[in-house]
Amino acid sequence: MKTPAWLTLICLAAALPLQAETFKPIELKDQELANLRGRYVMPGRIISFGVVMTSTWQNASGDVIGAKTSMQVQQSTIKPQFYVSMIDKKGSGAANAQGAGSVTGGAGLNTTDGVTQVVRAAGDNNTAYNNVDINVTKANQAPDTPQQGQVLAAGSTLVGSNGAGSLSVSASGTGVQLDVVANNNQGSALQRIAQGGLMQNATLLGNGNQVSNLTALNVVLRDNVPDAALNGNLDQLKGLRALGY
């Protein structure tokens, strides 16, 4: 006597444990996924975290103005601080023509979230580069990299200027911003990290300019994870067996 296939399937379905119903996959919303960021790194695994932001503007005569600001946090860090190093290079000294370009709009750029990269050009022979690097390495101890430059205190602004334009680096309660305004209406560059977002914006109105906004996030993970932390996670997984999973 042969058992019908449909009867076999019904018997198998009835034999499944009730717990199997709780594992029915569902789609997670973006808001739920956003709340999970950064929660799956073992305690003590991150031994160093750093941020480096660099913005430069070079005009057609070779004048360069910019700044590099950096912060590094380690276990021994008492108070995280940003340090600023100014970039000031003199070019050929030739006169630059007045920029004649113009751009419109862009008000909505101040309301974006996450990483926003913008290049708007109204000139010729320009180069603009916005980039974000995330570097994750492993080591047994945190790197010994002494901070260089001036301390950027909260609420303060550091300024500089030369033939290429003027620069300001400011720290507010919400983040850090690098702002370059080029001379002779050549354009502007802005880089800001604040409130969980990163803005990189370059506007070129003249000719022959080279602009860059670069940000690097550097994370160092401990190479030898403590056995106690690893064993604790394994014990939690083994404990699920008693519940029928």
Protein backbone atom coordinates (compact mmCIF):
# COMPACT_ATOMS: atom_id res chain seq x y z
CA MET A 1 0.00 0.00 0.00
CA LYS A 2 1.46 3.32 -1.05
CA THR A 3 1.01 6.41 1.09
CA PRO A 4 -0.09 9.45 -0.94
CA ALA A 5 2.54 12.18 -1.17
CA TRP A 6 0.16 14.83 0.15
CA LEU A 7 -0.51 12.79 3.28
CA THR A 8 3.24 12.50 3.95
CA LEU A 9 3.66 16.28 3.69
CA ILE A 10 0.83 16.88 6.16
CA CYS A 11 2.39 14.51 8.69
CA LEU A 12 5.79 16.18 8.37
CA ALA A 13 4.28 19.62 8.85
CA ALA A 14 2.44 18.51 11.97
CA ALA A 15 5.64 17.05 13.40
CA LEU A 16 7.54 20.37 13.26
CA PRO A 17 8.06 22.00 16.67
CA LEU A 18 6.07 25.09 17.51
CA GLN A 19 9.31 27.06 17.84
CA ALA A 20 9.86 26.75 14.09
CA GLU A 21 7.07 29.26 13.49
CA THR A 22 8.98 31.95 15.37
CA PHE A 23 11.85 31.76 12.86
CA LYS A 24 9.74 32.78 9.89
CA PRO A 25 11.89 35.38 8.10
CA ILE A 26 10.56 38.92 7.88
CA GLU A 27 11.91 41.98 6.13
CA LEU A 28 13.47 44.60 8.39
CA LYS A 29 12.75 48.26 7.79
CA ASP A 30 15.55 50.76 7.21
CA GLN A 31 14.96 52.36 10.62
CA GLU A 32 15.40 49.01 12.36
CA LEU A 33 18.61 48.27 10.46
CA ALA A 34 19.96 51.73 11.30
CA ASN A 35 19.63 50.98 15.02
CA LEU A 36 21.83 47.89 14.67
CA ARG A 37 24.97 49.71 13.54
CA GLY A 38 28.04 49.14 15.64
CA ARG A 39 26.50 46.55 17.96
CA TYR A 40 28.37 43.47 16.87
CA VAL A 41 31.95 44.23 17.88
CA MET A 42 33.24 42.31 20.89
CA PRO A 43 34.14 44.37 23.97
CA GLY A 44 37.76 45.47 23.86
CA ARG A 45 38.12 44.64 20.17
CA ILE A 46 38.53 48.24 18.98
CA ILE A 47 41.81 49.59 20.34
CA SER A 48 42.07 52.73 18.20
CA PHE A 49 39.71 54.93 16.19
CA GLY A 50 40.71 58.00 14.21
CA VAL A 51 39.27 60.59 11.84
CA VAL A 52 41.35 62.60 9.35
CA MET A 53 39.83 65.36 7.20
CA THR A 54 41.81 67.24 4.55
CA SER A 55 40.60 70.00 2.23
CA THR A 56 42.82 71.81 -0.31
CA TRP A 57 42.34 74.37 -3.07
CA GLN A 58 44.95 75.05 -5.74
CA ASN A 59 44.40 77.86 -8.22
CA ALA A 60 45.71 78.22 -11.77
CA SER A 61 48.87 79.98 -10.51
CA GLY A 62 49.80 77.09 -8.20
CA ASP A 63 48.86 78.75 -4.91
CA VAL A 64 47.51 76.16 -2.45
CA ILE A 65 45.49 76.72 0.69
CA GLY A 66 43.94 74.08 2.90
CA ALA A 67 43.99 72.30 6.22
CA LYS A 68 44.24 68.86 7.75
CA THR A 69 42.33 68.12 10.93
CA SER A 70 42.57 64.85 12.81
CA MET A 71 41.40 63.14 15.97
CA GLN A 72 42.46 59.81 17.42
CA VAL A 73 40.82 57.95 20.30
CA GLN A 74 42.54 55.14 22.16
CA GLN A 75 42.10 53.45 25.51
CA SER A 76 44.61 55.85 27.03
CA THR A 77 42.88 58.95 25.60
CA ILE A 78 41.58 61.20 28.37
CA LYS A 79 39.89 63.87 26.27
CA PRO A 80 39.38 63.46 22.50
CA GLN A 81 40.48 66.58 20.62
CA PHE A 82 40.85 67.67 17.01
CA TYR A 83 44.22 68.98 15.86
CA VAL A 84 44.61 71.25 12.82
CA SER A 85 47.60 71.67 10.50
CA MET A 86 47.39 74.49 7.96
CA ILE A 87 48.44 73.99 4.33
CA ASP A 88 49.95 77.09 2.70
CA LYS A 89 51.97 76.94 -0.53
CA LYS A 90 52.95 79.78 -2.83
CA GLY A 91 52.68 79.39 -6.59
CA SER A 92 54.21 81.23 -9.54
CA GLY A 93 52.78 84.58 -8.53
CA ALA A 94 50.95 85.08 -11.82
CA ALA A 95 47.68 86.97 -11.67
CA ASN A 96 44.45 84.99 -11.85
CA ALA A 97 41.52 86.05 -13.97
CA GLN A 98 38.20 86.73 -12.30
CA GLY A 99 35.82 83.78 -12.30
CA ALA A 100 32.77 84.42 -14.46
CA GLY A 101 30.72 81.31 -13.75
CA SER A 102 27.68 80.97 -11.52
CA VAL A 103 25.61 78.15 -10.05
CA THR A 104 22.11 78.22 -8.60
CA GLY A 105 20.12 76.08 -6.20
CA GLY A 106 21.52 73.66 -3.66
CA ALA A 107 19.58 74.79 -0.60
CA GLY A 108 18.48 71.22 0.06
CA LEU A 109 22.06 70.05 0.49
CA ASN A 110 22.02 71.31 4.07
CA THR A 111 19.26 68.88 5.02
CA THR A 112 20.79 65.61 3.79
CA ASP A 113 21.78 62.65 5.97
CA GLY A 114 24.65 60.19 5.67
CA VAL A 115 27.44 60.90 3.19
CA THR A 116 26.76 63.71 0.71
CA GLN A 117 29.27 64.48 -2.04
CA VAL A 118 28.66 67.39 -4.40
CA VAL A 119 30.61 68.93 -7.29
CA ARG A 120 29.18 71.90 -9.18
CA ALA A 121 31.32 73.42 -11.94
CA ALA A 122 30.82 76.48 -14.13
CA GLY A 123 34.35 76.83 -15.50
CA ASP A 124 36.94 75.04 -17.62
CA ASN A 125 39.97 72.83 -16.90
CA ASN A 126 39.01 72.24 -13.27
CA THR A 127 39.52 69.11 -11.16
CA ALA A 128 37.42 68.24 -8.10
CA TYR A 129 37.77 65.16 -5.92
CA ASN A 130 35.58 64.09 -3.00
CA ASN A 131 36.45 60.82 -1.30
CA VAL A 132 35.84 58.84 1.90
CA ASP A 133 38.13 56.00 3.00
CA ILE A 134 37.38 53.47 5.74
CA ASN A 135 40.54 51.67 6.80
CA VAL A 136 40.24 48.68 9.15
CA THR A 137 43.45 46.99 10.30
CA LYS A 138 44.44 44.51 13.00
CA ALA A 139 47.21 44.86 15.57
CA ASN A 140 48.16 43.74 19.07
CA GLN A 141 48.42 47.33 20.34
CA ALA A 142 47.31 50.80 19.36
CA PRO A 143 49.60 52.69 16.94
CA ASP A 144 51.87 55.37 18.38
CA THR A 145 50.97 58.38 16.25
CA PRO A 146 51.45 61.69 18.09
CA GLN A 147 49.00 64.40 17.14
CA GLN A 148 50.40 67.44 15.33
CA GLY A 149 49.12 70.96 14.83
CA GLN A 150 46.96 73.37 16.80
CA VAL A 151 44.24 72.18 19.14
CA LEU A 152 40.76 72.97 17.82
CA ALA A 153 38.81 73.71 20.97
CA ALA A 154 35.03 73.46 21.04
CA GLY A 155 33.43 76.68 19.82
CA SER A 156 36.68 78.01 18.32
CA THR A 157 37.68 78.87 14.73
CA LEU A 158 41.13 78.80 13.12
CA VAL A 159 41.69 80.91 9.99
CA GLY A 160 44.29 81.35 7.27
CA SER A 161 44.70 83.04 3.89
CA ASN A 162 47.06 83.38 0.93
CA GLY A 163 46.92 83.99 -2.81
CA ALA A 164 44.55 81.07 -3.34
CA GLY A 165 41.89 82.25 -0.92
CA SER A 166 40.80 82.18 2.71
CA LEU A 167 40.27 79.21 5.01
CA SER A 168 38.41 78.62 8.26
CA VAL A 169 38.28 75.52 10.45
CA SER A 170 35.59 75.59 13.12
CA ALA A 171 34.31 73.28 15.84
CA SER A 172 30.75 73.67 17.08
CA GLY A 173 28.61 71.62 19.37
CA THR A 174 27.50 69.50 16.42
CA GLY A 175 30.75 68.82 14.54
CA VAL A 176 33.80 70.10 12.67
CA GLN A 177 33.81 72.09 9.42
CA LEU A 178 36.53 73.08 6.93
CA ASP A 179 35.55 75.98 4.66
CA VAL A 180 37.59 77.42 1.76
CA VAL A 181 36.59 80.53 -0.20
CA ALA A 182 38.82 81.03 -3.24
CA ASN A 183 39.98 84.47 -4.34
CA ASN A 184 38.79 86.17 -7.55
CA ASN A 185 35.41 84.44 -7.49
CA GLN A 186 36.99 81.09 -8.35
CA GLY A 187 34.62 79.13 -6.11
CA SER A 188 34.48 77.46 -2.71
CA ALA A 189 34.95 74.13 -0.96
CA LEU A 190 33.37 72.79 2.20
CA GLN A 191 33.80 69.65 4.25
CA ARG A 192 31.79 68.97 7.39
CA ILE A 193 31.34 66.01 9.71
CA ALA A 194 28.47 66.46 12.15
CA GLN A 195 25.39 64.74 13.59
CA GLY A 196 26.17 61.37 12.05
CA GLY A 197 26.67 62.78 8.54
CA LEU A 198 29.48 63.87 6.23
CA MET A 199 29.24 66.67 3.67
CA GLN A 200 31.83 67.21 0.91
CA ASN A 201 31.01 70.10 -1.42
CA ALA A 202 33.05 71.76 -4.18
CA THR A 203 31.80 74.68 -6.28
CA LEU A 204 34.02 75.88 -9.15
CA LEU A 205 33.29 79.17 -10.89
CA GLY A 206 36.63 79.89 -12.58
CA ASN A 207 39.26 78.01 -14.58
CA GLY A 208 42.27 75.82 -13.84
CA ASN A 209 41.51 74.98 -10.20
CA GLN A 210 42.22 71.72 -8.37
CA VAL A 211 40.04 70.98 -5.34
CA SER A 212 39.98 68.01 -3.00
CA ASN A 213 37.94 67.00 0.06
CA LEU A 214 39.23 63.82 1.68
CA THR A 215 38.07 62.03 4.82
CA ALA A 216 39.55 58.84 6.29
CA LEU A 217 38.12 56.75 9.13
CA ASN A 218 40.85 54.57 10.63
CA VAL A 219 39.91 51.66 12.89
CA VAL A 220 42.39 49.28 14.53
CA LEU A 221 41.01 45.98 15.86
CA ARG A 222 42.78 43.87 18.44
CA ASP A 223 44.32 40.90 16.66
CA ASN A 224 44.21 38.48 19.60
CA VAL A 225 40.65 38.50 20.94
CA PRO A 226 40.43 37.50 24.64
CA ASP A 227 39.27 33.89 25.00
CA ALA A 228 36.86 34.81 27.78
CA ALA A 229 34.80 37.05 25.50
CA LEU A 230 34.74 34.44 22.75
CA ASN A 231 33.78 31.62 25.12
CA GLY A 232 31.00 33.74 26.58
CA ASN A 233 29.40 34.14 23.14
CA LEU A 234 29.71 30.40 22.47
CA ASP A 235 28.05 29.60 25.81
CA GLN A 236 25.11 31.80 24.86
CA LEU A 237 24.70 29.92 21.60
CA LYS A 238 24.85 26.55 23.37
CA GLY A 239 22.18 27.70 25.80
CA LEU A 240 19.70 28.04 22.94
CA ARG A 241 19.70 24.26 22.51
CA ALA A 242 17.81 23.81 25.77
CA LEU A 243 15.00 25.89 24.29
CA GLY A 244 14.72 23.65 21.26
CA TYR A 245 16.52 25.90 18.75
